[in-house]
N, C-alpha and C. Protein backbone atom coordinates (compact mmCIF):
# COMPACT_ATOMS: atom_id res chain seq x y z
N MET A 1 48.22 27.62 102.23
CA MET A 1 47.59 28.36 103.31
C MET A 1 48.18 29.74 103.49
N SER A 2 49.09 30.16 102.61
CA SER A 2 49.76 31.45 102.77
C SER A 2 48.78 32.60 102.51
N LEU A 3 49.16 33.77 103.00
CA LEU A 3 48.33 34.96 102.86
C LEU A 3 48.07 35.29 101.40
N ARG A 4 46.79 35.53 101.07
CA ARG A 4 46.42 35.85 99.70
C ARG A 4 45.64 37.15 99.57
N TYR A 5 44.90 37.54 100.60
CA TYR A 5 43.98 38.67 100.47
C TYR A 5 44.18 39.64 101.63
N ILE A 6 44.27 40.94 101.31
CA ILE A 6 44.42 41.99 102.32
C ILE A 6 43.28 42.98 102.15
N ALA A 7 42.47 43.13 103.19
CA ALA A 7 41.36 44.08 103.18
C ALA A 7 41.76 45.33 103.95
N PHE A 8 41.36 46.49 103.43
CA PHE A 8 41.75 47.76 104.02
C PHE A 8 40.53 48.61 104.35
N ASP A 9 40.58 49.26 105.49
CA ASP A 9 39.69 50.37 105.78
C ASP A 9 40.11 51.54 104.88
N LEU A 10 39.28 52.58 104.80
CA LEU A 10 39.60 53.73 103.94
C LEU A 10 39.98 54.97 104.77
N ASP A 11 38.99 55.59 105.41
CA ASP A 11 39.24 56.83 106.16
C ASP A 11 40.11 56.57 107.38
N GLY A 12 41.20 57.31 107.50
CA GLY A 12 42.10 57.14 108.62
C GLY A 12 43.11 56.04 108.44
N THR A 13 42.98 55.28 107.36
CA THR A 13 43.89 54.17 107.05
C THR A 13 44.65 54.45 105.77
N LEU A 14 43.92 54.63 104.68
CA LEU A 14 44.53 54.96 103.39
C LEU A 14 44.53 56.47 103.15
N VAL A 15 43.47 57.14 103.57
CA VAL A 15 43.33 58.57 103.28
C VAL A 15 42.99 59.37 104.53
N ASP A 16 43.45 60.61 104.55
CA ASP A 16 43.03 61.59 105.55
C ASP A 16 41.90 62.39 104.92
N SER A 17 40.69 62.10 105.34
CA SER A 17 39.50 62.73 104.75
C SER A 17 38.83 63.73 105.68
N VAL A 18 39.42 63.98 106.84
CA VAL A 18 38.80 64.87 107.82
C VAL A 18 38.49 66.26 107.25
N PRO A 19 39.40 66.90 106.51
CA PRO A 19 39.08 68.25 106.03
C PRO A 19 37.83 68.29 105.16
N ASP A 20 37.67 67.35 104.24
CA ASP A 20 36.48 67.36 103.38
C ASP A 20 35.22 67.00 104.16
N LEU A 21 35.31 66.03 105.06
CA LEU A 21 34.16 65.67 105.87
C LEU A 21 33.73 66.83 106.76
N THR A 22 34.70 67.52 107.34
CA THR A 22 34.39 68.67 108.19
C THR A 22 33.70 69.76 107.39
N GLN A 23 34.21 70.04 106.20
CA GLN A 23 33.59 71.08 105.37
C GLN A 23 32.16 70.73 105.03
N ALA A 24 31.90 69.47 104.67
CA ALA A 24 30.54 69.06 104.32
C ALA A 24 29.61 69.16 105.53
N LEU A 25 30.11 68.78 106.71
CA LEU A 25 29.29 68.88 107.91
C LEU A 25 29.04 70.35 108.27
N GLN A 26 30.03 71.19 108.12
CA GLN A 26 29.85 72.61 108.42
C GLN A 26 28.81 73.23 107.50
N MET A 27 28.85 72.89 106.21
CA MET A 27 27.87 73.43 105.27
C MET A 27 26.48 72.87 105.55
N MET A 28 26.41 71.60 105.92
CA MET A 28 25.13 70.99 106.32
C MET A 28 24.53 71.74 107.50
N LEU A 29 25.35 71.98 108.52
CA LEU A 29 24.85 72.67 109.71
C LEU A 29 24.45 74.11 109.41
N ALA A 30 25.18 74.75 108.52
CA ALA A 30 24.81 76.11 108.11
C ALA A 30 23.44 76.10 107.43
N ASP A 31 23.20 75.12 106.59
CA ASP A 31 21.89 74.99 105.94
C ASP A 31 20.76 74.84 106.96
N LEU A 32 21.08 74.16 108.06
CA LEU A 32 20.09 73.89 109.10
C LEU A 32 20.05 74.99 110.16
N GLU A 33 20.92 76.03 109.98
CA GLU A 33 21.02 77.14 110.93
C GLU A 33 21.35 76.63 112.33
N MET A 34 22.32 75.72 112.37
CA MET A 34 22.78 75.15 113.63
C MET A 34 24.25 75.49 113.84
N PRO A 35 24.75 75.44 115.08
CA PRO A 35 26.16 75.78 115.35
C PRO A 35 27.12 74.89 114.57
N THR A 36 28.25 75.45 114.20
CA THR A 36 29.21 74.72 113.39
C THR A 36 30.03 73.76 114.25
N VAL A 37 30.91 73.00 113.58
CA VAL A 37 31.78 72.04 114.26
C VAL A 37 33.22 72.27 113.81
N THR A 38 34.15 71.73 114.57
CA THR A 38 35.57 71.91 114.28
C THR A 38 36.18 70.63 113.71
N VAL A 39 37.36 70.79 113.13
CA VAL A 39 38.10 69.63 112.63
C VAL A 39 38.38 68.65 113.76
N ALA A 40 38.75 69.16 114.91
CA ALA A 40 39.07 68.29 116.05
C ALA A 40 37.85 67.47 116.47
N GLU A 41 36.69 68.10 116.48
CA GLU A 41 35.47 67.37 116.85
C GLU A 41 35.17 66.27 115.83
N VAL A 42 35.21 66.62 114.57
CA VAL A 42 34.87 65.65 113.52
C VAL A 42 35.83 64.47 113.52
N THR A 43 37.09 64.73 113.81
CA THR A 43 38.09 63.65 113.86
C THR A 43 37.67 62.56 114.84
N GLY A 44 37.03 62.94 115.92
CA GLY A 44 36.59 61.98 116.92
C GLY A 44 35.26 61.33 116.63
N TRP A 45 34.61 61.74 115.53
CA TRP A 45 33.28 61.22 115.20
C TRP A 45 33.28 60.25 114.02
N ILE A 46 34.43 60.05 113.40
CA ILE A 46 34.52 59.22 112.20
C ILE A 46 34.71 57.76 112.59
N GLY A 47 34.11 56.86 111.79
CA GLY A 47 34.38 55.45 111.98
C GLY A 47 33.16 54.55 112.00
N ASN A 48 31.98 55.14 112.23
CA ASN A 48 30.76 54.33 112.31
C ASN A 48 29.81 54.59 111.15
N GLY A 49 30.28 55.24 110.10
CA GLY A 49 29.42 55.54 108.97
C GLY A 49 28.83 56.93 109.03
N ALA A 50 28.25 57.36 107.90
CA ALA A 50 27.77 58.74 107.78
C ALA A 50 26.61 59.05 108.71
N ASP A 51 25.67 58.12 108.87
CA ASP A 51 24.50 58.41 109.70
C ASP A 51 24.89 58.72 111.14
N ILE A 52 25.77 57.92 111.71
CA ILE A 52 26.20 58.15 113.09
C ILE A 52 27.02 59.44 113.19
N MET A 53 27.90 59.67 112.20
CA MET A 53 28.69 60.90 112.21
C MET A 53 27.77 62.13 112.18
N ILE A 54 26.74 62.08 111.36
CA ILE A 54 25.80 63.21 111.26
C ILE A 54 25.03 63.37 112.57
N ARG A 55 24.61 62.29 113.18
CA ARG A 55 23.94 62.37 114.47
C ARG A 55 24.86 62.98 115.53
N ARG A 56 26.13 62.63 115.49
CA ARG A 56 27.09 63.21 116.43
C ARG A 56 27.25 64.71 116.18
N ALA A 57 27.27 65.10 114.91
CA ALA A 57 27.39 66.52 114.59
C ALA A 57 26.16 67.30 115.04
N LEU A 58 24.98 66.73 114.86
CA LEU A 58 23.75 67.39 115.30
C LEU A 58 23.70 67.50 116.82
N SER A 59 24.27 66.51 117.50
CA SER A 59 24.26 66.49 118.96
C SER A 59 25.45 67.21 119.56
N ARG A 60 26.47 67.48 118.70
CA ARG A 60 27.73 68.07 119.15
C ARG A 60 28.38 67.21 120.24
N HIS A 61 28.26 65.88 120.09
CA HIS A 61 28.83 64.97 121.09
C HIS A 61 28.98 63.59 120.48
N HIS A 62 30.03 62.87 120.90
CA HIS A 62 30.25 61.51 120.40
C HIS A 62 29.07 60.61 120.74
N ASP A 63 28.55 60.73 121.95
CA ASP A 63 27.36 59.96 122.33
C ASP A 63 26.14 60.77 121.89
N HIS A 64 25.70 60.50 120.68
CA HIS A 64 24.66 61.35 120.09
C HIS A 64 23.32 61.16 120.80
N ASP A 65 22.50 62.19 120.68
CA ASP A 65 21.19 62.23 121.32
C ASP A 65 20.25 61.23 120.65
N PRO A 66 19.77 60.21 121.35
CA PRO A 66 18.88 59.23 120.72
C PRO A 66 17.50 59.78 120.39
N SER A 67 17.17 60.94 120.94
CA SER A 67 15.84 61.51 120.71
C SER A 67 15.81 62.51 119.54
N LEU A 68 16.88 62.58 118.75
CA LEU A 68 16.90 63.48 117.61
C LEU A 68 15.71 63.22 116.69
N ASP A 69 15.11 64.30 116.22
CA ASP A 69 13.95 64.18 115.34
C ASP A 69 14.34 63.49 114.03
N ALA A 70 13.59 62.48 113.63
CA ALA A 70 13.91 61.70 112.44
C ALA A 70 13.91 62.55 111.18
N ALA A 71 12.99 63.50 111.11
CA ALA A 71 12.93 64.37 109.93
C ALA A 71 14.16 65.26 109.85
N LEU A 72 14.62 65.74 111.00
CA LEU A 72 15.84 66.55 111.02
C LEU A 72 17.04 65.73 110.58
N VAL A 73 17.15 64.52 111.07
CA VAL A 73 18.27 63.66 110.70
C VAL A 73 18.25 63.37 109.19
N ALA A 74 17.08 63.10 108.66
CA ALA A 74 16.96 62.81 107.23
C ALA A 74 17.34 64.04 106.39
N LYS A 75 16.89 65.22 106.81
CA LYS A 75 17.24 66.45 106.09
C LYS A 75 18.74 66.70 106.17
N ALA A 76 19.31 66.48 107.36
CA ALA A 76 20.74 66.67 107.53
C ALA A 76 21.53 65.72 106.63
N ARG A 77 21.11 64.47 106.55
CA ARG A 77 21.82 63.50 105.70
C ARG A 77 21.75 63.92 104.24
N ALA A 78 20.61 64.41 103.80
CA ALA A 78 20.47 64.85 102.41
C ALA A 78 21.39 66.04 102.12
N ARG A 79 21.48 67.00 103.05
CA ARG A 79 22.34 68.15 102.84
C ARG A 79 23.81 67.75 102.90
N PHE A 80 24.16 66.85 103.82
CA PHE A 80 25.54 66.36 103.88
C PHE A 80 25.91 65.67 102.58
N ASN A 81 25.05 64.77 102.08
CA ASN A 81 25.34 64.06 100.83
C ASN A 81 25.57 65.04 99.69
N TYR A 82 24.74 66.07 99.62
CA TYR A 82 24.86 67.05 98.55
C TYR A 82 26.22 67.75 98.61
N HIS A 83 26.58 68.23 99.78
CA HIS A 83 27.82 68.99 99.90
C HIS A 83 29.05 68.09 99.73
N TYR A 84 29.00 66.90 100.30
CA TYR A 84 30.18 66.01 100.21
C TYR A 84 30.40 65.55 98.78
N GLU A 85 29.31 65.36 98.05
CA GLU A 85 29.43 64.94 96.65
C GLU A 85 29.86 66.09 95.75
N HIS A 86 29.28 67.25 95.93
CA HIS A 86 29.50 68.35 94.99
C HIS A 86 30.73 69.20 95.30
N ASN A 87 31.28 69.11 96.47
CA ASN A 87 32.49 69.88 96.77
C ASN A 87 33.75 69.15 96.35
N GLY A 88 33.58 67.91 95.85
CA GLY A 88 34.75 67.14 95.45
C GLY A 88 35.53 66.67 96.67
N HIS A 89 36.72 66.18 96.40
CA HIS A 89 37.54 65.63 97.49
C HIS A 89 38.96 66.19 97.41
N GLU A 90 39.04 67.49 97.10
CA GLU A 90 40.34 68.11 96.90
C GLU A 90 41.21 68.09 98.15
N LYS A 91 40.59 68.10 99.32
CA LYS A 91 41.36 68.14 100.57
C LYS A 91 41.69 66.74 101.10
N THR A 92 41.12 65.71 100.49
CA THR A 92 41.39 64.34 100.92
C THR A 92 42.70 63.86 100.29
N VAL A 93 43.62 63.42 101.13
CA VAL A 93 44.95 63.05 100.64
C VAL A 93 45.34 61.66 101.15
N LEU A 94 46.23 61.02 100.41
CA LEU A 94 46.78 59.73 100.84
C LEU A 94 47.77 59.94 101.97
N TYR A 95 47.79 59.02 102.90
CA TYR A 95 48.84 59.02 103.90
C TYR A 95 50.15 58.60 103.25
N SER A 96 51.23 59.00 103.84
CA SER A 96 52.57 58.70 103.32
C SER A 96 52.77 57.19 103.16
N GLY A 97 53.29 56.82 102.01
CA GLY A 97 53.64 55.43 101.75
C GLY A 97 52.51 54.55 101.28
N VAL A 98 51.29 55.06 101.24
CA VAL A 98 50.13 54.22 100.90
C VAL A 98 50.19 53.73 99.45
N LYS A 99 50.31 54.66 98.51
CA LYS A 99 50.25 54.25 97.11
C LYS A 99 51.41 53.33 96.75
N GLU A 100 52.59 53.64 97.22
CA GLU A 100 53.76 52.83 96.90
C GLU A 100 53.62 51.42 97.48
N THR A 101 53.15 51.33 98.72
CA THR A 101 53.02 50.03 99.37
C THR A 101 51.92 49.20 98.72
N LEU A 102 50.77 49.82 98.44
CA LEU A 102 49.68 49.09 97.77
C LEU A 102 50.11 48.61 96.39
N THR A 103 50.81 49.44 95.66
CA THR A 103 51.27 49.06 94.32
C THR A 103 52.20 47.86 94.39
N THR A 104 53.11 47.88 95.35
CA THR A 104 54.04 46.75 95.51
C THR A 104 53.30 45.48 95.87
N LEU A 105 52.36 45.56 96.80
CA LEU A 105 51.60 44.37 97.19
C LEU A 105 50.80 43.82 96.02
N HIS A 106 50.21 44.72 95.24
CA HIS A 106 49.45 44.31 94.06
C HIS A 106 50.36 43.62 93.05
N GLN A 107 51.53 44.16 92.83
CA GLN A 107 52.48 43.57 91.89
C GLN A 107 52.99 42.22 92.38
N GLN A 108 53.01 42.03 93.68
CA GLN A 108 53.45 40.76 94.26
C GLN A 108 52.37 39.68 94.19
N GLY A 109 51.18 40.05 93.74
CA GLY A 109 50.13 39.08 93.52
C GLY A 109 49.08 38.98 94.61
N TYR A 110 49.16 39.83 95.62
CA TYR A 110 48.13 39.82 96.65
C TYR A 110 46.86 40.47 96.12
N GLN A 111 45.70 39.90 96.46
CA GLN A 111 44.44 40.55 96.15
C GLN A 111 44.14 41.57 97.24
N LEU A 112 43.67 42.75 96.82
CA LEU A 112 43.42 43.85 97.74
C LEU A 112 41.96 44.27 97.66
N GLY A 113 41.37 44.57 98.79
CA GLY A 113 39.99 45.03 98.82
C GLY A 113 39.81 46.15 99.83
N VAL A 114 38.74 46.92 99.67
CA VAL A 114 38.39 47.97 100.61
C VAL A 114 37.11 47.55 101.34
N VAL A 115 37.15 47.62 102.66
CA VAL A 115 35.96 47.38 103.48
C VAL A 115 35.83 48.57 104.42
N THR A 116 34.94 49.49 104.09
CA THR A 116 34.80 50.74 104.80
C THR A 116 33.38 50.94 105.29
N ASN A 117 33.21 51.74 106.33
CA ASN A 117 31.87 52.11 106.77
C ASN A 117 31.37 53.37 106.09
N LYS A 118 32.19 53.99 105.22
CA LYS A 118 31.75 55.14 104.43
C LYS A 118 30.70 54.66 103.42
N PRO A 119 29.63 55.44 103.17
CA PRO A 119 28.66 55.04 102.16
C PRO A 119 29.33 54.74 100.82
N TYR A 120 28.91 53.65 100.19
CA TYR A 120 29.58 53.19 98.98
C TYR A 120 29.62 54.26 97.89
N ALA A 121 28.57 55.05 97.77
CA ALA A 121 28.46 56.01 96.66
C ALA A 121 29.64 56.95 96.59
N PHE A 122 30.29 57.24 97.72
CA PHE A 122 31.40 58.18 97.74
C PHE A 122 32.75 57.52 97.47
N VAL A 123 32.83 56.20 97.59
CA VAL A 123 34.13 55.54 97.62
C VAL A 123 34.81 55.44 96.25
N PRO A 124 34.13 54.97 95.19
CA PRO A 124 34.83 54.82 93.91
C PRO A 124 35.48 56.10 93.40
N ALA A 125 34.81 57.23 93.56
CA ALA A 125 35.38 58.50 93.06
C ALA A 125 36.64 58.86 93.82
N ILE A 126 36.65 58.62 95.13
CA ILE A 126 37.84 58.93 95.92
C ILE A 126 39.00 58.04 95.48
N LEU A 127 38.75 56.75 95.33
CA LEU A 127 39.81 55.84 94.89
C LEU A 127 40.32 56.21 93.50
N GLU A 128 39.42 56.60 92.63
CA GLU A 128 39.81 56.99 91.27
C GLU A 128 40.63 58.26 91.29
N ASP A 129 40.17 59.26 92.03
CA ASP A 129 40.86 60.54 92.08
C ASP A 129 42.29 60.40 92.63
N LEU A 130 42.48 59.45 93.54
CA LEU A 130 43.78 59.28 94.17
C LEU A 130 44.63 58.21 93.50
N GLY A 131 44.14 57.68 92.39
CA GLY A 131 44.93 56.73 91.61
C GLY A 131 45.03 55.34 92.21
N LEU A 132 44.03 54.95 93.01
CA LEU A 132 44.07 53.64 93.66
C LEU A 132 43.08 52.63 93.09
N ALA A 133 42.12 53.08 92.31
CA ALA A 133 40.99 52.23 91.93
C ALA A 133 41.43 50.92 91.29
N SER A 134 42.44 50.96 90.44
CA SER A 134 42.85 49.76 89.71
C SER A 134 43.53 48.71 90.59
N LEU A 135 43.87 49.08 91.81
CA LEU A 135 44.58 48.16 92.70
C LEU A 135 43.65 47.24 93.47
N PHE A 136 42.35 47.58 93.53
CA PHE A 136 41.42 46.84 94.37
C PHE A 136 40.46 45.99 93.54
N SER A 137 40.33 44.73 93.96
CA SER A 137 39.40 43.83 93.28
C SER A 137 37.99 43.94 93.84
N ASP A 138 37.86 44.47 95.04
CA ASP A 138 36.55 44.57 95.70
C ASP A 138 36.47 45.87 96.49
N VAL A 139 35.27 46.45 96.53
CA VAL A 139 35.01 47.62 97.36
C VAL A 139 33.66 47.41 98.05
N ILE A 140 33.67 47.36 99.37
CA ILE A 140 32.46 47.21 100.16
C ILE A 140 32.29 48.46 101.01
N GLY A 141 31.15 49.13 100.87
CA GLY A 141 30.84 50.32 101.64
C GLY A 141 30.00 50.00 102.86
N GLY A 142 29.78 51.01 103.67
CA GLY A 142 29.02 50.81 104.90
C GLY A 142 27.57 50.45 104.67
N ASP A 143 27.04 50.77 103.48
CA ASP A 143 25.66 50.44 103.14
C ASP A 143 25.57 49.39 102.05
N SER A 144 26.68 48.72 101.74
CA SER A 144 26.66 47.69 100.70
C SER A 144 25.96 46.42 101.17
N LEU A 145 26.00 46.17 102.47
CA LEU A 145 25.44 44.95 103.05
C LEU A 145 24.46 45.34 104.15
N SER A 146 23.87 44.34 104.79
CA SER A 146 22.89 44.62 105.84
C SER A 146 23.55 45.07 107.13
N THR A 147 24.87 44.85 107.24
CA THR A 147 25.61 45.25 108.43
C THR A 147 26.88 45.98 108.01
N SER A 148 27.56 46.57 108.98
CA SER A 148 28.85 47.21 108.73
C SER A 148 29.79 46.84 109.88
N LYS A 149 31.06 47.17 109.72
CA LYS A 149 32.03 46.87 110.78
C LYS A 149 31.59 47.52 112.10
N PRO A 150 31.71 46.81 113.22
CA PRO A 150 32.54 45.63 113.47
C PRO A 150 31.93 44.28 113.15
N ASP A 151 30.75 44.26 112.53
CA ASP A 151 30.21 42.98 112.08
C ASP A 151 31.14 42.39 111.02
N PRO A 152 31.36 41.08 111.02
CA PRO A 152 32.30 40.48 110.08
C PRO A 152 31.71 40.15 108.71
N GLU A 153 30.46 40.55 108.45
CA GLU A 153 29.79 40.14 107.22
C GLU A 153 30.59 40.46 105.97
N GLY A 154 31.16 41.67 105.89
CA GLY A 154 31.92 42.04 104.70
C GLY A 154 33.15 41.17 104.50
N LEU A 155 33.86 40.88 105.58
CA LEU A 155 35.05 40.03 105.48
C LEU A 155 34.66 38.60 105.14
N HIS A 156 33.57 38.12 105.69
CA HIS A 156 33.11 36.77 105.34
C HIS A 156 32.70 36.69 103.88
N LEU A 157 32.06 37.74 103.37
CA LEU A 157 31.67 37.77 101.97
C LEU A 157 32.89 37.65 101.06
N LEU A 158 33.94 38.42 101.36
CA LEU A 158 35.16 38.36 100.56
C LEU A 158 35.83 36.99 100.66
N ARG A 159 35.85 36.45 101.87
CA ARG A 159 36.44 35.13 102.07
C ARG A 159 35.74 34.09 101.20
N ASP A 160 34.42 34.09 101.23
CA ASP A 160 33.67 33.08 100.49
C ASP A 160 33.71 33.35 98.98
N LYS A 161 33.67 34.61 98.59
CA LYS A 161 33.72 34.96 97.17
C LYS A 161 34.99 34.47 96.51
N HIS A 162 36.10 34.58 97.22
CA HIS A 162 37.40 34.22 96.64
C HIS A 162 37.89 32.84 97.10
N ALA A 163 37.00 32.08 97.74
CA ALA A 163 37.33 30.71 98.18
C ALA A 163 38.59 30.69 99.05
N LEU A 164 38.60 31.56 100.05
CA LEU A 164 39.74 31.68 100.94
C LEU A 164 39.45 31.01 102.29
N THR A 165 40.50 30.81 103.05
CA THR A 165 40.36 30.45 104.45
C THR A 165 40.61 31.69 105.30
N ASN A 166 40.25 31.64 106.56
CA ASN A 166 40.52 32.77 107.44
C ASN A 166 42.01 33.09 107.49
N ALA A 167 42.84 32.04 107.46
CA ALA A 167 44.29 32.22 107.57
C ALA A 167 44.89 32.91 106.35
N GLN A 168 44.15 32.96 105.26
CA GLN A 168 44.66 33.58 104.03
C GLN A 168 44.28 35.05 103.92
N MET A 169 43.67 35.61 104.97
CA MET A 169 43.21 36.99 104.93
C MET A 169 43.85 37.82 106.03
N LEU A 170 43.91 39.13 105.77
CA LEU A 170 44.44 40.10 106.72
C LEU A 170 43.61 41.38 106.61
N MET A 171 43.23 41.96 107.75
CA MET A 171 42.50 43.22 107.76
C MET A 171 43.39 44.32 108.28
N VAL A 172 43.42 45.46 107.59
CA VAL A 172 44.27 46.59 107.97
C VAL A 172 43.38 47.81 108.22
N GLY A 173 43.48 48.39 109.42
CA GLY A 173 42.66 49.55 109.72
C GLY A 173 43.22 50.38 110.86
N ASP A 174 42.56 51.51 111.10
CA ASP A 174 43.00 52.45 112.15
C ASP A 174 42.07 52.49 113.33
N SER A 175 40.92 51.81 113.23
CA SER A 175 39.87 51.95 114.23
C SER A 175 39.57 50.62 114.91
N LYS A 176 39.05 50.72 116.13
CA LYS A 176 38.64 49.50 116.83
C LYS A 176 37.55 48.75 116.06
N ASN A 177 36.78 49.46 115.23
CA ASN A 177 35.78 48.78 114.41
C ASN A 177 36.43 47.81 113.42
N ASP A 178 37.59 48.20 112.89
CA ASP A 178 38.32 47.34 111.95
C ASP A 178 38.88 46.12 112.67
N ILE A 179 39.47 46.34 113.82
CA ILE A 179 40.10 45.24 114.56
C ILE A 179 39.04 44.29 115.09
N LEU A 180 37.93 44.83 115.59
CA LEU A 180 36.85 43.97 116.07
C LEU A 180 36.23 43.17 114.92
N ALA A 181 36.11 43.79 113.75
CA ALA A 181 35.59 43.05 112.59
C ALA A 181 36.49 41.87 112.26
N ALA A 182 37.81 42.11 112.31
CA ALA A 182 38.76 41.03 112.05
C ALA A 182 38.66 39.94 113.11
N HIS A 183 38.60 40.35 114.38
CA HIS A 183 38.43 39.37 115.47
C HIS A 183 37.16 38.56 115.24
N ASN A 184 36.07 39.24 114.93
CA ASN A 184 34.79 38.56 114.75
C ASN A 184 34.79 37.64 113.54
N ALA A 185 35.62 37.97 112.54
CA ALA A 185 35.73 37.14 111.35
C ALA A 185 36.73 36.01 111.51
N GLY A 186 37.55 36.08 112.56
CA GLY A 186 38.56 35.05 112.77
C GLY A 186 39.79 35.21 111.92
N ILE A 187 40.11 36.47 111.55
CA ILE A 187 41.31 36.71 110.73
C ILE A 187 42.27 37.64 111.45
N ALA A 188 43.52 37.65 110.99
CA ALA A 188 44.55 38.51 111.58
C ALA A 188 44.30 39.97 111.21
N SER A 189 44.90 40.87 111.99
CA SER A 189 44.65 42.29 111.75
C SER A 189 45.90 43.12 111.99
N VAL A 190 45.93 44.26 111.32
CA VAL A 190 46.97 45.28 111.51
C VAL A 190 46.28 46.55 111.98
N GLY A 191 46.74 47.09 113.10
CA GLY A 191 46.21 48.35 113.61
C GLY A 191 47.21 49.47 113.39
N LEU A 192 46.76 50.53 112.75
CA LEU A 192 47.60 51.70 112.46
C LEU A 192 47.36 52.77 113.52
N THR A 193 48.44 53.37 113.99
CA THR A 193 48.34 54.28 115.14
C THR A 193 47.95 55.71 114.78
N TYR A 194 47.95 56.06 113.47
CA TYR A 194 47.83 57.47 113.10
C TYR A 194 46.41 57.90 112.74
N GLY A 195 45.45 57.00 112.82
CA GLY A 195 44.12 57.31 112.29
C GLY A 195 43.15 57.93 113.27
N TYR A 196 41.87 57.58 113.11
CA TYR A 196 40.77 58.24 113.83
C TYR A 196 40.11 57.27 114.81
N ASN A 197 40.80 56.86 115.82
CA ASN A 197 40.24 55.84 116.71
C ASN A 197 39.66 56.46 117.99
N TYR A 198 38.88 57.52 117.85
CA TYR A 198 38.15 58.11 118.98
C TYR A 198 39.08 58.53 120.12
N GLY A 199 40.34 58.81 119.80
CA GLY A 199 41.29 59.20 120.82
C GLY A 199 41.83 58.05 121.66
N GLU A 200 41.52 56.82 121.26
CA GLU A 200 41.97 55.63 122.00
C GLU A 200 43.16 55.00 121.30
N PRO A 201 44.13 54.46 122.03
CA PRO A 201 45.24 53.73 121.38
C PRO A 201 44.71 52.49 120.66
N ILE A 202 45.11 52.31 119.43
CA ILE A 202 44.64 51.15 118.66
C ILE A 202 45.11 49.85 119.30
N SER A 203 46.20 49.89 120.05
CA SER A 203 46.70 48.69 120.71
C SER A 203 45.71 48.14 121.73
N ASP A 204 44.81 49.01 122.25
CA ASP A 204 43.81 48.55 123.21
C ASP A 204 42.88 47.50 122.61
N SER A 205 42.73 47.53 121.29
CA SER A 205 41.85 46.57 120.62
C SER A 205 42.55 45.26 120.28
N GLN A 206 43.82 45.18 120.60
CA GLN A 206 44.62 43.95 120.45
C GLN A 206 44.68 43.42 119.01
N PRO A 207 45.11 44.26 118.06
CA PRO A 207 45.35 43.76 116.71
C PRO A 207 46.55 42.80 116.72
N SER A 208 46.67 42.01 115.67
CA SER A 208 47.80 41.09 115.56
C SER A 208 49.11 41.84 115.44
N TYR A 209 49.08 43.00 114.78
CA TYR A 209 50.26 43.84 114.59
C TYR A 209 49.85 45.29 114.81
N VAL A 210 50.76 46.10 115.33
CA VAL A 210 50.55 47.54 115.47
C VAL A 210 51.65 48.25 114.70
N LEU A 211 51.26 49.15 113.79
CA LEU A 211 52.23 49.87 112.95
C LEU A 211 52.03 51.37 113.09
N ASP A 212 53.14 52.10 113.10
CA ASP A 212 53.10 53.56 113.12
C ASP A 212 53.09 54.15 111.72
N HIS A 213 53.51 53.39 110.73
CA HIS A 213 53.61 53.90 109.37
C HIS A 213 53.12 52.84 108.39
N PHE A 214 52.37 53.27 107.38
CA PHE A 214 51.78 52.33 106.43
C PHE A 214 52.83 51.53 105.68
N SER A 215 53.97 52.14 105.38
CA SER A 215 54.98 51.46 104.59
C SER A 215 55.56 50.25 105.30
N ALA A 216 55.39 50.15 106.62
CA ALA A 216 55.87 48.98 107.36
C ALA A 216 55.02 47.75 107.08
N LEU A 217 53.88 47.93 106.40
CA LEU A 217 53.00 46.80 106.11
C LEU A 217 53.68 45.75 105.24
N GLY A 218 54.52 46.19 104.31
CA GLY A 218 55.19 45.24 103.43
C GLY A 218 55.99 44.20 104.20
N GLN A 219 56.69 44.64 105.24
CA GLN A 219 57.48 43.72 106.06
C GLN A 219 56.59 42.78 106.85
N VAL A 220 55.47 43.29 107.35
CA VAL A 220 54.51 42.44 108.08
C VAL A 220 53.98 41.34 107.16
N VAL A 221 53.60 41.72 105.96
CA VAL A 221 53.06 40.74 105.02
C VAL A 221 54.11 39.70 104.67
N ALA A 222 55.34 40.14 104.46
CA ALA A 222 56.40 39.21 104.10
C ALA A 222 56.69 38.20 105.20
N ASN A 223 56.53 38.61 106.44
CA ASN A 223 56.85 37.74 107.58
C ASN A 223 55.64 37.08 108.20
N HIS A 224 54.43 37.39 107.70
CA HIS A 224 53.22 36.82 108.28
C HIS A 224 53.24 35.30 108.12
N PRO A 225 52.99 34.56 109.18
CA PRO A 225 53.11 33.10 109.09
C PRO A 225 52.13 32.48 108.13
N ALA A 226 52.59 31.48 107.41
CA ALA A 226 51.72 30.77 106.46
C ALA A 226 50.79 29.85 107.23
């Protein structure tokens, strides 16, 4: 019954992607001849997938305008996809301790997976560019399934695919969406304090563990009850 599988969020957990996301949104808005956005604003809009982030950028508010024109939203998404794909991910960087900790966990025999709300099409290239791709046995994007976090569908899929029990899994993330997904799936969770949780303390979501630094994950895994 010991821990076997660790699922990770991507943005705000493994990587700081705000600079590249901000640039793509700024270029999208320029194409649409709309006011630009700041890094600080975008930081508070990440976590629910690209469509919601784009709606927030168009509305210039976290609570996006539900009456936004569908054609405008579709055009904005197309322009965002173009810029985010073609500008590369040069500004996206790993948080301190991520690669070393993931490598150690992989060498220790834990299976690792990514469960993110970022569209799947962008994820493999980021993992490859940052030297992480070979460490993960599974990658689930926000559009890979019919639902995304905080729905537990992705975690349940991994559990069933690898013939695991809930007790053999752990979810690691920076957002309440990650912690709620873990709660909804019935698995333990780690909440990281440094990510993009809408300005809210991750402890408010009551993860099983709260960490200030990614490298502390190794100790949590070693002491996690069987």
